[in-house]
Amino acid sequence: MECWTEFLKHFMVEKLTYQDINVAEIMDWYDKQQPPFGDGEKRKEFPDAFTIAAVLSYSKRHSLPVAVVSEDGDIKKACALHKELIYYPSLSALTEALVDAEVKAAISLPSAIIADFKTATPLPSALKAAIAANPARVITGIEEAFQNLSFYHEEDLEADVENVEVKSVKILNIRVITIEDGYCTITFDVNMDFSAYVEYGDPDTMVIDSSEDFRMPLFMRAGAVTDSVSISATANLEFDDEWKEILSVDDLEFDRRSIGVDARPPIRYDDHNEEEPSEEDFVPPEHQDPEEP
């Protein structure tokens, strides 16, 4: 809530009420199973319907289009039915649309007013094409930033997770949210495969004495694992004078500081064995039953 309150300080916020909504219109949507309503459980989407109706009423009352930002597929379908509501899947998508409109408006000015604007400032679509054509610097920046994150294992938060190595990077949903003086700021999603060396006490062989608050694994689980993650990021890109080549990638930040590893190491070994297997040649020793007294 603190982040949300701070975010709203950037805007003139107008809170909408339900006093101007048309209940008959909402019930008509319900009867026709029109989005956000639908089959099955979707017939109960009244909160979304009241929200859409309130925004639609505001738009018509002020004769203004309204940008609707939501990841909800039913909201998207509902917006498609009303020309007053312009749907965007994310705030960065809306921001990019505003940047695009601003650049197009400037380009349409008489050339005497903006002597070199047409070559100095590209459209977001041109920048995204340049990134797609030569993404090597961005991928390198992603790999370096990813290895600086912290890693933990989902099964044991105290597990050792080391030697993280990125195996593949796929960049998706690039949005250009600022363009200025040879730089642009982008947001994007990344799908990554990575490997890591993981070691922790095997929970399947844990000895527990609750009276003494005692927990001890009889075996350790350790080895190299491969996992994947989907994560969002923001970065500043410096371009050459023609906006064709990326010169540097700065301030790359992910929306998460730590990454969980799900994959279990495939090998168990006796925690009390004096000779612990190495990472390079990890063969668990045979477990020997204790000698009888």
Protein backbone atom coordinates (compact mmCIF):
# COMPACT_ATOMS: atom_id res chain seq x y z
CA MET A 1 0.00 0.00 0.00
CA GLU A 2 2.92 2.35 0.64
CA CYS A 3 4.24 1.73 -2.88
CA TRP A 4 0.76 2.24 -4.34
CA THR A 5 0.29 5.51 -2.45
CA GLU A 6 3.70 6.76 -3.59
CA PHE A 7 2.90 5.77 -7.18
CA LEU A 8 -0.38 7.72 -7.17
CA LYS A 9 1.48 10.92 -6.23
CA HIS A 10 2.59 11.14 -9.88
CA PHE A 11 -1.00 11.66 -11.02
CA MET A 12 -4.13 13.69 -10.47
CA VAL A 13 -6.29 10.92 -9.05
CA GLU A 14 -10.05 10.97 -9.50
CA LYS A 15 -11.89 8.30 -7.55
CA LEU A 16 -15.00 7.01 -9.27
CA THR A 17 -18.23 6.09 -7.53
CA TYR A 18 -21.08 3.85 -8.58
CA GLN A 19 -23.77 6.53 -8.49
CA ASP A 20 -23.80 7.12 -12.24
CA ILE A 21 -23.70 3.51 -13.41
CA ASN A 22 -26.56 2.03 -15.39
CA VAL A 23 -27.70 -1.07 -13.50
CA ALA A 24 -30.07 -2.03 -16.30
CA GLU A 25 -27.12 -2.03 -18.71
CA ILE A 26 -25.11 -4.30 -16.38
CA MET A 27 -28.00 -6.74 -16.09
CA ASP A 28 -28.24 -6.72 -19.87
CA TRP A 29 -24.55 -7.73 -20.01
CA TYR A 30 -25.32 -10.48 -17.50
CA ASP A 31 -28.31 -11.82 -19.45
CA LYS A 32 -26.27 -11.90 -22.67
CA GLN A 33 -23.20 -13.36 -20.90
CA GLN A 34 -21.25 -10.43 -22.35
CA PRO A 35 -17.73 -9.86 -20.94
CA PRO A 36 -16.77 -9.65 -18.17
CA PHE A 37 -19.57 -12.20 -17.70
CA GLY A 38 -19.40 -15.63 -19.28
CA ASP A 39 -20.19 -19.30 -18.72
CA GLY A 40 -19.93 -21.09 -15.39
CA GLU A 41 -18.18 -19.14 -12.66
CA LYS A 42 -17.86 -16.16 -15.01
CA ARG A 43 -21.55 -15.46 -14.44
CA LYS A 44 -20.52 -14.03 -11.04
CA GLU A 45 -18.24 -11.28 -12.35
CA PHE A 46 -20.35 -8.44 -10.91
CA PRO A 47 -17.44 -6.56 -9.22
CA ASP A 48 -15.63 -6.30 -12.57
CA ALA A 49 -18.87 -5.34 -14.31
CA PHE A 50 -19.54 -2.51 -11.83
CA THR A 51 -15.96 -1.27 -12.27
CA ILE A 52 -16.21 -1.26 -16.07
CA ALA A 53 -19.59 0.45 -15.90
CA ALA A 54 -18.22 3.19 -13.63
CA VAL A 55 -15.27 3.86 -15.95
CA LEU A 56 -17.54 3.78 -19.00
CA SER A 57 -19.93 6.26 -17.38
CA TYR A 58 -17.02 8.62 -16.60
CA SER A 59 -15.77 8.37 -20.18
CA LYS A 60 -19.15 9.19 -21.70
CA ARG A 61 -19.87 11.98 -19.22
CA HIS A 62 -16.62 13.78 -20.04
CA SER A 63 -16.44 12.71 -23.72
CA LEU A 64 -12.95 11.33 -23.13
CA PRO A 65 -11.38 7.96 -23.96
CA VAL A 66 -10.02 6.07 -20.96
CA ALA A 67 -6.94 3.83 -20.92
CA VAL A 68 -7.62 0.63 -19.00
CA VAL A 69 -4.55 -1.24 -17.69
CA SER A 70 -5.20 -4.82 -16.63
CA GLU A 71 -3.84 -8.35 -17.04
CA ASP A 72 -7.38 -9.76 -16.76
CA GLY A 73 -8.48 -11.34 -20.03
CA ASP A 74 -12.17 -10.65 -19.29
CA ILE A 75 -11.43 -6.95 -18.82
CA LYS A 76 -9.67 -6.99 -22.20
CA LYS A 77 -12.72 -8.57 -23.85
CA ALA A 78 -15.05 -6.07 -22.21
CA CYS A 79 -12.96 -3.09 -23.39
CA ALA A 80 -13.10 -4.41 -26.96
CA LEU A 81 -16.88 -3.90 -26.87
CA HIS A 82 -16.68 -0.19 -25.96
CA LYS A 83 -14.83 2.29 -28.16
CA GLU A 84 -14.42 4.59 -25.17
CA LEU A 85 -12.17 2.09 -23.36
CA ILE A 86 -8.64 1.53 -24.71
CA TYR A 87 -7.08 -1.61 -23.28
CA TYR A 88 -3.39 -2.05 -22.36
CA PRO A 89 -1.95 -5.22 -20.77
CA SER A 90 0.59 -3.30 -18.64
CA LEU A 91 1.58 0.17 -17.54
CA SER A 92 4.70 -0.05 -19.71
CA ALA A 93 2.51 -0.79 -22.77
CA LEU A 94 0.50 2.36 -22.07
CA THR A 95 3.67 4.39 -21.52
CA GLU A 96 5.10 3.17 -24.82
CA ALA A 97 1.90 4.19 -26.62
CA LEU A 98 2.18 7.69 -25.16
CA VAL A 99 5.86 7.93 -26.20
CA ASP A 100 4.95 6.71 -29.69
CA ALA A 101 2.19 9.31 -30.01
CA GLU A 102 4.51 12.06 -28.77
CA VAL A 103 7.22 11.19 -31.31
CA LYS A 104 4.71 10.96 -34.16
CA ALA A 105 3.24 14.33 -33.22
CA ALA A 106 6.70 15.92 -33.21
CA ILE A 107 7.62 14.35 -36.55
CA SER A 108 4.48 15.84 -38.11
CA LEU A 109 5.62 19.39 -37.25
CA PRO A 110 7.06 21.58 -40.04
CA SER A 111 10.71 20.71 -40.74
CA ALA A 112 11.73 24.33 -40.13
CA ILE A 113 10.73 23.91 -36.48
CA ILE A 114 12.51 20.60 -35.94
CA ALA A 115 15.43 20.65 -38.34
CA ASP A 116 16.91 17.25 -37.52
CA PHE A 117 14.19 15.65 -35.40
CA LYS A 118 13.28 13.01 -37.98
CA THR A 119 16.75 11.47 -37.87
CA ALA A 120 17.45 12.25 -34.20
CA THR A 121 14.46 10.53 -32.57
CA PRO A 122 13.11 7.17 -33.76
CA LEU A 123 9.76 5.58 -33.08
CA PRO A 124 9.59 2.86 -30.39
CA SER A 125 8.96 0.29 -33.12
CA ALA A 126 12.28 1.18 -34.81
CA LEU A 127 14.17 0.82 -31.52
CA LYS A 128 12.59 -2.56 -30.82
CA ALA A 129 13.58 -3.69 -34.31
CA ALA A 130 17.17 -2.57 -33.65
CA ILE A 131 17.24 -4.49 -30.36
CA ALA A 132 15.82 -7.63 -32.00
CA ALA A 133 18.39 -7.42 -34.80
CA ASN A 134 21.36 -7.28 -32.42
CA PRO A 135 20.43 -8.31 -28.86
CA ALA A 136 23.92 -9.51 -27.82
CA ARG A 137 24.71 -6.58 -25.48
CA VAL A 138 21.31 -6.81 -23.82
CA ILE A 139 21.70 -10.57 -23.31
CA THR A 140 25.17 -10.05 -21.81
CA GLY A 141 23.75 -7.44 -19.44
CA ILE A 142 20.96 -9.85 -18.44
CA GLU A 143 23.41 -12.67 -17.73
CA GLU A 144 25.67 -10.47 -15.61
CA ALA A 145 22.81 -8.96 -13.61
CA PHE A 146 21.17 -12.38 -13.10
CA GLN A 147 24.30 -13.89 -11.55
CA ASN A 148 24.39 -11.03 -9.03
CA LEU A 149 20.98 -11.97 -7.63
CA SER A 150 20.62 -14.17 -4.56
CA PHE A 151 19.45 -17.77 -4.93
CA TYR A 152 17.74 -20.19 -2.56
CA HIS A 153 16.23 -23.65 -2.80
CA GLU A 154 12.47 -24.08 -2.38
CA GLU A 155 12.89 -27.28 -0.35
CA ASP A 156 15.48 -25.90 2.06
CA LEU A 157 15.92 -22.14 2.44
CA GLU A 158 19.34 -22.70 4.04
CA ALA A 159 20.66 -24.79 1.15
CA ASP A 160 23.91 -23.83 -0.56
CA VAL A 161 23.19 -22.61 -4.10
CA GLU A 162 26.41 -21.81 -5.97
CA ASN A 163 27.99 -21.64 -9.42
CA VAL A 164 24.92 -20.22 -11.12
CA GLU A 165 25.32 -20.21 -14.90
CA VAL A 166 22.84 -18.90 -17.48
CA LYS A 167 22.19 -21.45 -20.24
CA SER A 168 19.71 -19.61 -22.47
CA VAL A 169 17.97 -16.24 -22.63
CA LYS A 170 14.76 -15.35 -24.44
CA ILE A 171 13.68 -11.68 -24.41
CA LEU A 172 9.94 -11.00 -24.71
CA ASN A 173 7.47 -8.10 -24.62
CA ILE A 174 9.92 -5.23 -25.05
CA ARG A 175 8.39 -1.83 -24.29
CA VAL A 176 10.11 1.51 -24.93
CA ILE A 177 9.06 3.89 -22.15
CA THR A 178 11.47 6.84 -22.67
CA ILE A 179 13.56 8.18 -25.57
CA GLU A 180 16.00 11.01 -24.98
CA ASP A 181 19.49 12.19 -26.04
CA GLY A 182 20.74 8.93 -27.52
CA TYR A 183 19.28 6.82 -24.72
CA CYS A 184 16.10 4.88 -24.28
CA THR A 185 14.62 3.03 -21.32
CA ILE A 186 12.98 -0.31 -21.95
CA THR A 187 11.00 -2.80 -19.92
CA PHE A 188 10.89 -6.43 -20.96
CA ASP A 189 10.25 -10.01 -19.84
CA VAL A 190 12.91 -12.72 -19.86
CA ASN A 191 12.63 -16.50 -19.95
CA MET A 192 15.88 -18.08 -18.78
CA ASP A 193 17.29 -21.55 -18.31
CA PHE A 194 20.12 -21.76 -15.78
CA SER A 195 22.17 -24.29 -13.89
CA ALA A 196 23.42 -24.25 -10.29
CA TYR A 197 25.22 -26.47 -7.80
CA VAL A 198 22.91 -27.22 -4.85
CA GLU A 199 23.58 -28.96 -1.55
CA TYR A 200 21.35 -29.46 1.49
CA GLY A 201 20.14 -32.04 4.00
CA ASP A 202 17.78 -34.56 2.44
CA PRO A 203 14.35 -33.95 4.04
CA ASP A 204 13.26 -37.52 3.19
CA THR A 205 15.80 -38.87 5.69
CA MET A 206 15.37 -36.22 8.37
CA VAL A 207 15.48 -37.41 12.02
CA ILE A 208 13.30 -35.16 14.16
CA ASP A 209 12.98 -34.98 17.93
CA SER A 210 10.41 -32.27 18.64
CA SER A 211 10.92 -32.49 22.39
CA GLU A 212 14.55 -31.46 21.99
CA ASP A 213 13.96 -29.30 18.91
CA PHE A 214 16.43 -31.55 17.13
CA ARG A 215 16.58 -32.12 13.34
CA MET A 216 19.29 -34.05 11.53
CA PRO A 217 19.33 -35.47 7.99
CA LEU A 218 20.87 -38.93 7.63
CA PHE A 219 21.85 -38.16 4.03
CA MET A 220 22.77 -35.08 2.04
CA ARG A 221 21.33 -34.23 -1.35
CA ALA A 222 23.78 -32.52 -3.67
CA GLY A 223 24.67 -31.98 -7.31
CA ALA A 224 24.19 -29.81 -10.38
CA VAL A 225 20.60 -28.96 -11.36
CA THR A 226 18.98 -27.12 -14.25
CA ASP A 227 15.99 -24.86 -13.74
CA SER A 228 14.12 -22.06 -15.50
CA VAL A 229 12.63 -18.72 -14.51
CA SER A 230 10.45 -16.00 -16.01
CA ILE A 231 11.29 -12.51 -14.77
CA SER A 232 10.70 -8.88 -15.75
CA ALA A 233 13.36 -6.19 -16.03
CA THR A 234 14.11 -2.57 -16.83
CA ALA A 235 17.26 -1.23 -18.53
CA ASN A 236 18.71 1.93 -20.06
CA LEU A 237 20.24 1.52 -23.51
CA GLU A 238 22.73 3.86 -25.15
CA PHE A 239 22.56 3.95 -28.98
CA ASP A 240 24.84 5.31 -31.68
CA ASP A 241 23.95 8.54 -33.52
CA GLU A 242 21.79 6.66 -36.04
CA TRP A 243 19.92 4.66 -33.37
CA LYS A 244 21.04 1.43 -35.02
CA GLU A 245 23.64 -0.05 -32.67
CA ILE A 246 23.47 -0.50 -28.90
CA LEU A 247 26.62 0.93 -27.32
CA SER A 248 25.95 0.08 -23.69
CA VAL A 249 23.39 -1.42 -21.33
CA ASP A 250 23.14 0.33 -17.95
CA ASP A 251 21.05 0.15 -14.78
CA LEU A 252 19.56 -3.22 -15.62
CA GLU A 253 17.27 -4.22 -12.76
CA PHE A 254 15.00 -7.22 -12.31
CA ASP A 255 11.69 -7.05 -10.51
CA ARG A 256 12.98 -9.66 -8.03
CA ARG A 257 16.07 -9.73 -5.84
CA SER A 258 16.11 -13.47 -5.20
CA ILE A 259 15.37 -16.55 -7.30
CA GLY A 260 14.03 -19.86 -6.04
CA VAL A 261 15.37 -23.16 -7.39
CA ASP A 262 12.84 -26.01 -7.58
CA ALA A 263 14.87 -28.85 -9.09
CA ARG A 264 16.17 -31.45 -6.64
CA PRO A 265 19.79 -32.57 -6.83
CA PRO A 266 19.84 -36.14 -8.12
CA ILE A 267 22.40 -37.60 -5.69
CA ARG A 268 22.38 -38.47 -2.00
CA TYR A 269 25.39 -39.35 0.12
CA ASP A 270 26.06 -40.18 3.74
CA ASP A 271 26.52 -36.93 5.65
CA HIS A 272 28.90 -38.62 8.08
CA ASN A 273 31.24 -40.11 5.49
CA GLU A 274 34.69 -38.63 5.85
CA GLU A 275 35.39 -38.43 2.12
CA GLU A 276 32.79 -36.21 0.55
CA PRO A 277 32.31 -36.63 -3.24
CA SER A 278 33.61 -33.80 -5.40
CA GLU A 279 31.42 -31.68 -7.67
CA GLU A 280 33.26 -32.96 -10.76
CA ASP A 281 32.89 -36.67 -10.03
CA PHE A 282 29.88 -36.99 -7.81
CA VAL A 283 29.35 -40.66 -6.94
CA PRO A 284 27.63 -41.32 -3.63
CA PRO A 285 29.38 -43.83 -1.36
CA GLU A 286 27.56 -47.00 -0.40
CA HIS A 287 25.69 -46.67 2.85
CA GLN A 288 26.87 -49.19 5.47
CA ASP A 289 24.73 -50.27 8.37
CA PRO A 290 26.21 -49.53 11.79
CA GLU A 291 28.00 -52.46 13.49
CA GLU A 292 26.04 -54.18 16.17
CA PRO A 293 27.53 -53.93 19.66
